[in-house]
Amino acid sequence: MYLKKIVLAVALIGLVFMAGFAYYVYSNVFTPNTAFNNEEAHIYIPTGASFQQVVNEVSPLLEDVDKFIAVAKRKQYNANVKPGHFIITKGMNNNEIVNSIRSGNAPIAIKFNNQERLENLAGHLSRQMEPDSLTFINALKDPAFLKEGGYNADTALSMYIPNTYEVYWNTTAEDFRNKMQAAYKRFWNAHRKAKAAQLNLTPLQVISLAAIVQKETAKVDERPMVGGLYVNRLKKGMLLQADPTVIYAKKRSENDYAQVIKRVLYKDLTIDSKYNTYKYTGVPPGPIAMPDVSSIEAVLNYKHHNYLFMVADVTNFGYHKFAKTLSGHNKNKATYVKWINDNGVNR
């Protein structure tokens, strides 16, 4: 009888212990532990981060930080922190949270367009990814990389085709650069290369010309028309005489890319720069900005016409008036000059 009581007591103690352990496991591991109202929260863990840094990052998102720490240590996450961008959803328990930040590195969508220089692109990327702007610019301007890819300081921006790309937040600057080079090579398929060859232009020259088209008109439907005008000028050996190239030449010569220039003056046309298409024939040595795909296609698939001149249309803002002759252009230009004088556009 006494032995039975001992066995029963031990069994009861075991049951109590198991119940307590089960409660501990449930409350620490399987009870929801999120403290945010949105459907999901995003966590960014830097490369080389310590477990304490992770705790500091996730603390504002949790109901009970101590329980999270206990589960993380039990799962040995504290000794195996992984960098990246992670997503936890509302109502997750500690077990799910640890699993997510341990193996759920989620890609992000990177979008860029209209960047004027590699420095602008580097800054733009650093605001969306882990590497800082200096790390990016060093990778984008790496002389060995440029030489191997057939680029130089003037053409380096050409490699970055504006689009939306899926990358990991902690992707290195070098890996991102390489990914963009691969995308550039895919973009310039045999069909597009053949179209460029028909224009007697290389892909890099097409992008430089497309950058001018991009700057000349924001109207996508007008870009093939503008592209055709510049192709006509190239075929005739004429100066392109594109005002955006003069603006770029001025910024470049003064090393002041922040200045806003709304009106090109006659004195600006004398700037001695290979980018000044009022002084030098042909396509500039590199793009004056990052053209998007519509501008590149507007050059490759330009509209066939006989126009050689254009000026902003002050009766249909955003578009241009085109002319086949200089006399016709001068009439259109007179209307434009009167409008900008009347509206006090001096610079």
Protein backbone atom coordinates (compact mmCIF):
# COMPACT_ATOMS: atom_id res chain seq x y z
CA MET A 1 0.00 0.00 0.00
CA TYR A 2 2.77 2.42 0.94
CA LEU A 3 4.59 1.67 -2.34
CA LYS A 4 1.42 2.38 -4.31
CA LYS A 5 1.10 5.76 -2.60
CA ILE A 6 4.68 6.61 -3.51
CA VAL A 7 4.15 5.60 -7.14
CA LEU A 8 0.91 7.60 -7.25
CA ALA A 9 2.61 10.64 -5.74
CA VAL A 10 5.45 10.43 -8.22
CA ALA A 11 2.97 10.08 -11.04
CA LEU A 12 1.04 13.12 -9.84
CA ILE A 13 4.23 15.13 -9.51
CA GLY A 14 5.17 14.03 -13.03
CA LEU A 15 1.79 15.08 -14.35
CA VAL A 16 2.07 18.46 -12.63
CA PHE A 17 5.57 18.87 -14.03
CA MET A 18 4.42 17.88 -17.53
CA ALA A 19 1.46 20.21 -17.28
CA GLY A 20 3.75 23.00 -16.18
CA PHE A 21 6.19 22.25 -18.96
CA ALA A 22 3.37 22.08 -21.49
CA TYR A 23 2.10 25.44 -20.27
CA TYR A 24 5.60 26.85 -20.47
CA VAL A 25 6.05 25.55 -23.99
CA TYR A 26 2.65 26.78 -25.10
CA SER A 27 2.96 30.20 -23.52
CA ASN A 28 6.52 30.75 -24.69
CA VAL A 29 6.57 28.99 -28.02
CA PHE A 30 3.08 28.79 -29.47
CA THR A 31 1.23 31.82 -28.06
CA PRO A 32 0.94 34.77 -30.48
CA ASN A 33 3.55 37.39 -29.58
CA THR A 34 3.14 40.27 -32.03
CA ALA A 35 2.29 43.81 -30.94
CA PHE A 36 1.62 45.58 -34.25
CA ASN A 37 -1.71 46.29 -35.94
CA ASN A 38 -0.68 45.98 -39.57
CA GLU A 39 -0.90 42.63 -41.31
CA GLU A 40 2.89 42.35 -41.48
CA ALA A 41 6.05 44.00 -40.23
CA HIS A 42 9.44 44.23 -41.96
CA ILE A 43 12.71 43.56 -40.16
CA TYR A 44 16.14 44.48 -41.54
CA ILE A 45 19.09 42.70 -39.96
CA PRO A 46 22.51 44.04 -41.06
CA THR A 47 25.40 41.83 -42.05
CA GLY A 48 27.41 40.90 -38.96
CA ALA A 49 24.62 41.87 -36.55
CA SER A 50 24.73 40.46 -33.02
CA PHE A 51 21.81 38.74 -31.35
CA GLN A 52 21.33 41.81 -29.16
CA GLN A 53 20.98 43.95 -32.27
CA VAL A 54 18.25 41.60 -33.47
CA VAL A 55 16.52 41.86 -30.12
CA ASN A 56 16.66 45.65 -30.32
CA GLU A 57 15.21 45.52 -33.84
CA VAL A 58 12.27 43.23 -33.03
CA SER A 59 11.46 44.49 -29.51
CA PRO A 60 8.98 47.20 -30.62
CA LEU A 61 7.07 44.54 -32.56
CA LEU A 62 6.64 42.04 -29.71
CA GLU A 63 4.31 41.69 -26.73
CA ASP A 64 6.88 39.81 -24.61
CA VAL A 65 10.54 40.21 -25.53
CA ASP A 66 11.79 37.83 -22.79
CA LYS A 67 9.75 34.95 -24.16
CA PHE A 68 11.10 35.60 -27.65
CA ILE A 69 14.67 35.57 -26.29
CA ALA A 70 14.05 32.31 -24.47
CA VAL A 71 12.73 30.58 -27.59
CA ALA A 72 15.47 32.05 -29.79
CA LYS A 73 18.15 30.71 -27.45
CA ARG A 74 16.48 27.31 -27.19
CA LYS A 75 16.52 27.14 -31.02
CA GLN A 76 20.17 28.34 -30.94
CA TYR A 77 19.31 31.31 -33.14
CA ASN A 78 21.38 33.58 -30.89
CA ALA A 79 24.52 31.85 -32.18
CA ASN A 80 23.44 31.82 -35.82
CA VAL A 81 22.09 35.27 -36.72
CA LYS A 82 21.37 35.71 -40.45
CA PRO A 83 21.36 39.09 -42.23
CA GLY A 84 18.61 40.17 -44.57
CA HIS A 85 15.07 41.49 -44.92
CA PHE A 86 12.49 39.45 -43.07
CA ILE A 87 8.73 39.64 -42.77
CA ILE A 88 6.70 38.63 -39.73
CA THR A 89 2.94 38.58 -39.87
CA LYS A 90 0.38 39.59 -37.29
CA GLY A 91 -0.39 36.81 -34.80
CA MET A 92 2.86 34.88 -35.26
CA ASN A 93 4.16 33.00 -32.25
CA ASN A 94 7.78 33.01 -31.11
CA ASN A 95 8.58 29.76 -32.89
CA GLU A 96 7.28 31.16 -36.16
CA ILE A 97 9.07 34.47 -35.66
CA VAL A 98 12.42 32.78 -35.06
CA ASN A 99 11.94 30.50 -38.06
CA SER A 100 11.08 33.51 -40.20
CA ILE A 101 14.12 35.60 -39.29
CA ARG A 102 16.38 32.58 -39.50
CA SER A 103 15.53 31.34 -42.98
CA GLY A 104 12.99 33.67 -44.56
CA ASN A 105 15.16 36.33 -46.22
CA ALA A 106 12.59 38.02 -48.47
CA PRO A 107 13.55 39.82 -51.71
CA ILE A 108 12.65 43.46 -52.22
CA ALA A 109 11.68 45.31 -55.40
CA ILE A 110 14.20 47.91 -56.52
CA LYS A 111 13.11 50.51 -59.05
CA PHE A 112 15.21 53.26 -60.56
CA ASN A 113 14.91 55.66 -63.49
CA ASN A 114 15.87 59.15 -64.57
CA GLN A 115 19.18 59.16 -62.71
CA GLU A 116 21.62 61.70 -64.16
CA ARG A 117 24.89 60.20 -62.88
CA LEU A 118 26.24 57.10 -61.21
CA GLU A 119 26.48 59.13 -57.99
CA ASN A 120 22.72 59.72 -58.10
CA LEU A 121 22.09 56.04 -58.75
CA ALA A 122 24.37 55.02 -55.87
CA GLY A 123 22.54 57.32 -53.48
CA HIS A 124 19.16 56.06 -54.69
CA LEU A 125 20.18 52.43 -54.21
CA SER A 126 21.69 53.03 -50.76
CA ARG A 127 18.32 54.27 -49.52
CA GLN A 128 16.75 50.94 -50.46
CA MET A 129 19.49 48.38 -49.82
CA GLU A 130 22.09 47.62 -47.15
CA PRO A 131 25.32 48.90 -48.86
CA ASP A 132 25.97 52.62 -48.37
CA SER A 133 26.36 55.08 -51.26
CA LEU A 134 30.17 55.06 -51.11
CA THR A 135 30.26 51.27 -51.36
CA PHE A 136 27.89 51.42 -54.31
CA ILE A 137 29.79 54.14 -56.17
CA ASN A 138 33.07 52.29 -55.73
CA ALA A 139 31.52 49.16 -57.22
CA LEU A 140 29.78 51.00 -60.08
CA LYS A 141 32.96 52.88 -61.00
CA ASP A 142 35.42 50.02 -60.50
CA PRO A 143 37.93 50.50 -63.36
CA ALA A 144 38.62 46.78 -63.77
CA PHE A 145 34.90 46.01 -64.04
CA LEU A 146 34.31 48.82 -66.55
CA LYS A 147 37.23 47.79 -68.71
CA GLU A 148 36.20 44.15 -68.74
CA GLY A 149 32.63 45.05 -69.72
CA GLY A 150 33.67 47.47 -72.46
CA TYR A 151 32.55 50.62 -70.64
CA ASN A 152 34.35 53.78 -69.59
CA ALA A 153 33.63 56.65 -67.22
CA ASP A 154 31.34 58.30 -69.79
CA THR A 155 29.34 55.22 -70.76
CA ALA A 156 29.15 53.46 -67.38
CA LEU A 157 25.62 54.73 -66.68
CA SER A 158 24.41 53.10 -69.91
CA MET A 159 24.49 49.66 -68.32
CA TYR A 160 21.59 50.36 -65.98
CA ILE A 161 18.30 49.83 -67.81
CA PRO A 162 15.46 51.41 -65.79
CA ASN A 163 13.06 48.77 -64.58
CA THR A 164 11.88 47.05 -61.42
CA TYR A 165 14.30 44.39 -60.21
CA GLU A 166 13.93 41.81 -57.46
CA VAL A 167 16.99 41.63 -55.21
CA TYR A 168 17.82 40.79 -51.62
CA TRP A 169 18.20 43.77 -49.32
CA ASN A 170 21.66 42.60 -48.21
CA THR A 171 22.91 41.94 -51.75
CA THR A 172 26.45 43.31 -52.08
CA ALA A 173 27.10 46.28 -54.34
CA GLU A 174 29.25 44.09 -56.58
CA ASP A 175 26.56 41.42 -56.92
CA PHE A 176 23.95 44.07 -57.69
CA ARG A 177 26.21 45.60 -60.35
CA ASN A 178 26.76 42.18 -61.90
CA LYS A 179 23.04 41.51 -61.91
CA MET A 180 22.47 44.76 -63.78
CA GLN A 181 25.13 43.86 -66.34
CA ALA A 182 23.37 40.56 -66.95
CA ALA A 183 20.06 42.40 -67.39
CA TYR A 184 21.73 44.80 -69.84
CA LYS A 185 23.03 41.90 -71.92
CA ARG A 186 19.57 40.30 -71.98
CA PHE A 187 18.01 43.58 -73.05
CA TRP A 188 20.39 43.94 -75.96
CA ASN A 189 19.26 40.83 -77.75
CA ALA A 190 20.02 40.06 -81.39
CA HIS A 191 16.90 41.90 -82.59
CA ARG A 192 17.76 45.17 -80.86
CA LYS A 193 21.42 44.93 -81.85
CA ALA A 194 20.36 44.51 -85.48
CA LYS A 195 18.19 47.61 -85.27
CA ALA A 196 21.09 49.59 -83.80
CA ALA A 197 23.37 48.38 -86.58
CA GLN A 198 20.86 49.60 -89.16
CA LEU A 199 21.33 53.06 -87.66
CA ASN A 200 25.12 52.67 -87.76
CA LEU A 201 25.10 53.00 -83.99
CA THR A 202 26.37 50.80 -81.19
CA PRO A 203 24.06 49.94 -78.29
CA LEU A 204 25.96 52.46 -76.14
CA GLN A 205 25.41 55.18 -78.76
CA VAL A 206 21.72 54.32 -78.96
CA ILE A 207 21.43 54.83 -75.21
CA SER A 208 23.27 58.17 -75.44
CA LEU A 209 20.86 59.31 -78.15
CA ALA A 210 17.89 57.94 -76.21
CA ALA A 211 18.97 60.02 -73.21
CA ILE A 212 18.60 63.15 -75.33
CA VAL A 213 15.15 62.02 -76.48
CA GLN A 214 14.22 61.37 -72.84
CA LYS A 215 15.26 64.87 -71.81
CA GLU A 216 13.63 66.54 -74.79
CA THR A 217 10.14 65.21 -74.16
CA ALA A 218 8.31 63.64 -71.25
CA LYS A 219 5.54 62.57 -73.63
CA VAL A 220 6.08 58.90 -74.40
CA ASP A 221 3.89 59.09 -77.51
CA GLU A 222 6.07 61.88 -78.93
CA ARG A 223 9.40 60.17 -78.37
CA PRO A 224 9.49 58.18 -81.66
CA MET A 225 8.88 61.50 -83.46
CA VAL A 226 11.80 63.14 -81.64
CA GLY A 227 13.93 60.04 -82.18
CA GLY A 228 13.25 60.29 -85.92
CA LEU A 229 14.30 63.93 -85.97
CA TYR A 230 17.70 63.18 -84.44
CA VAL A 231 18.21 60.17 -86.69
CA ASN A 232 17.54 62.46 -89.66
CA ARG A 233 20.16 64.91 -88.42
CA LEU A 234 22.72 62.16 -87.89
CA LYS A 235 22.16 60.83 -91.40
CA LYS A 236 22.75 64.28 -92.85
CA GLY A 237 25.85 64.89 -90.72
CA MET A 238 24.17 67.82 -89.00
CA LEU A 239 24.81 68.97 -85.46
CA LEU A 240 22.16 67.54 -83.17
CA GLN A 241 21.79 70.94 -81.47
CA ALA A 242 19.94 69.49 -78.49
CA ASP A 243 19.47 71.95 -75.63
CA PRO A 244 19.55 69.22 -72.94
CA THR A 245 23.14 68.41 -73.94
CA VAL A 246 24.12 72.04 -73.42
CA ILE A 247 22.50 72.02 -69.98
CA TYR A 248 24.42 68.87 -69.10
CA ALA A 249 27.67 70.32 -70.47
CA LYS A 250 27.19 73.41 -68.30
CA LYS A 251 26.53 71.36 -65.17
CA ARG A 252 29.49 69.13 -65.91
CA SER A 253 31.92 71.98 -66.65
CA GLU A 254 30.89 73.79 -63.46
CA ASN A 255 30.64 70.56 -61.43
CA ASP A 256 27.26 71.71 -60.23
CA TYR A 257 24.60 69.16 -61.06
CA ALA A 258 22.06 70.63 -58.66
CA GLN A 259 21.49 73.83 -60.65
CA VAL A 260 18.14 74.20 -62.38
CA ILE A 261 18.34 75.62 -65.90
CA LYS A 262 15.06 76.40 -67.64
CA ARG A 263 16.45 78.45 -70.51
CA VAL A 264 19.60 77.92 -72.57
CA LEU A 265 21.40 81.18 -73.35
CA TYR A 266 23.47 81.90 -76.47
CA LYS A 267 26.64 82.07 -74.37
CA ASP A 268 25.96 78.51 -73.18
CA LEU A 269 26.23 77.28 -76.75
CA THR A 270 29.94 78.09 -76.73
CA ILE A 271 30.82 75.74 -73.85
CA ASP A 272 33.69 73.57 -75.04
CA SER A 273 32.50 70.10 -74.15
CA LYS A 274 32.08 66.92 -76.17
CA TYR A 275 28.59 66.85 -74.70
CA ASN A 276 27.71 70.18 -76.33
CA THR A 277 25.95 69.11 -79.51
CA TYR A 278 25.96 72.71 -80.78
CA LYS A 279 29.75 72.43 -81.14
CA TYR A 280 30.41 68.74 -81.82
CA THR A 281 28.73 66.48 -84.37
CA GLY A 282 27.51 63.00 -83.67
CA VAL A 283 26.25 61.38 -80.51
CA PRO A 284 27.76 62.55 -77.17
CA PRO A 285 30.38 60.26 -75.58
CA GLY A 286 27.89 59.04 -72.99
CA PRO A 287 24.30 59.48 -71.81
CA ILE A 288 23.34 62.81 -70.26
CA ALA A 289 20.84 60.91 -68.10
CA MET A 290 19.42 57.44 -67.71
CA PRO A 291 16.91 56.84 -70.54
CA ASP A 292 14.03 54.50 -69.89
CA VAL A 293 13.00 51.69 -72.22
CA SER A 294 10.44 53.84 -74.06
CA SER A 295 13.18 56.29 -75.07
CA ILE A 296 15.52 53.53 -76.20
CA GLU A 297 12.73 51.97 -78.24
CA ALA A 298 11.89 55.41 -79.65
CA VAL A 299 15.36 55.52 -81.20
CA LEU A 300 15.41 51.92 -82.40
CA ASN A 301 11.86 52.22 -83.78
CA TYR A 302 11.89 55.89 -84.69
CA LYS A 303 9.12 57.46 -86.72
CA HIS A 304 10.07 58.04 -90.33
CA HIS A 305 9.54 61.65 -91.42
CA ASN A 306 11.46 64.58 -92.92
CA TYR A 307 11.56 66.90 -89.93
CA LEU A 308 14.90 68.40 -88.87
CA PHE A 309 13.88 71.08 -86.36
CA MET A 310 11.65 71.32 -83.32
CA VAL A 311 10.75 73.75 -80.59
CA ALA A 312 8.45 73.58 -77.59
CA ASP A 313 4.78 74.07 -78.44
CA VAL A 314 3.40 76.78 -76.14
CA THR A 315 -0.15 76.00 -77.23
CA ASN A 316 0.11 72.31 -76.32
CA PHE A 317 2.46 72.14 -73.35
CA GLY A 318 4.73 69.15 -73.18
CA TYR A 319 4.74 68.65 -76.92
CA HIS A 320 6.76 70.24 -79.75
CA LYS A 321 6.25 71.90 -83.09
CA PHE A 322 8.28 70.32 -85.88
CA ALA A 323 9.62 71.86 -89.07
CA LYS A 324 11.37 70.58 -92.19
CA THR A 325 13.12 73.84 -93.01
CA LEU A 326 15.02 76.47 -91.04
CA SER A 327 12.59 79.18 -92.11
CA GLY A 328 9.67 77.14 -90.78
CA HIS A 329 11.55 76.50 -87.58
CA ASN A 330 12.34 80.19 -87.11
CA LYS A 331 8.62 81.00 -87.23
CA ASN A 332 7.89 78.39 -84.57
CA LYS A 333 10.86 79.58 -82.53
CA ALA A 334 9.69 83.20 -82.62
CA THR A 335 6.40 82.16 -81.04
CA TYR A 336 8.25 80.23 -78.35
CA VAL A 337 10.74 83.04 -77.58
CA LYS A 338 7.91 85.57 -77.27
CA TRP A 339 6.12 83.29 -74.83
CA ILE A 340 9.13 82.76 -72.56
CA ASN A 341 9.94 86.50 -72.62
CA ASP A 342 6.35 87.36 -71.77
CA ASN A 343 6.44 84.89 -68.89
CA GLY A 344 9.78 86.11 -67.52
CA VAL A 345 11.75 82.90 -68.03
CA ASN A 346 15.28 84.30 -67.90
CA ARG A 347 17.21 81.24 -66.73
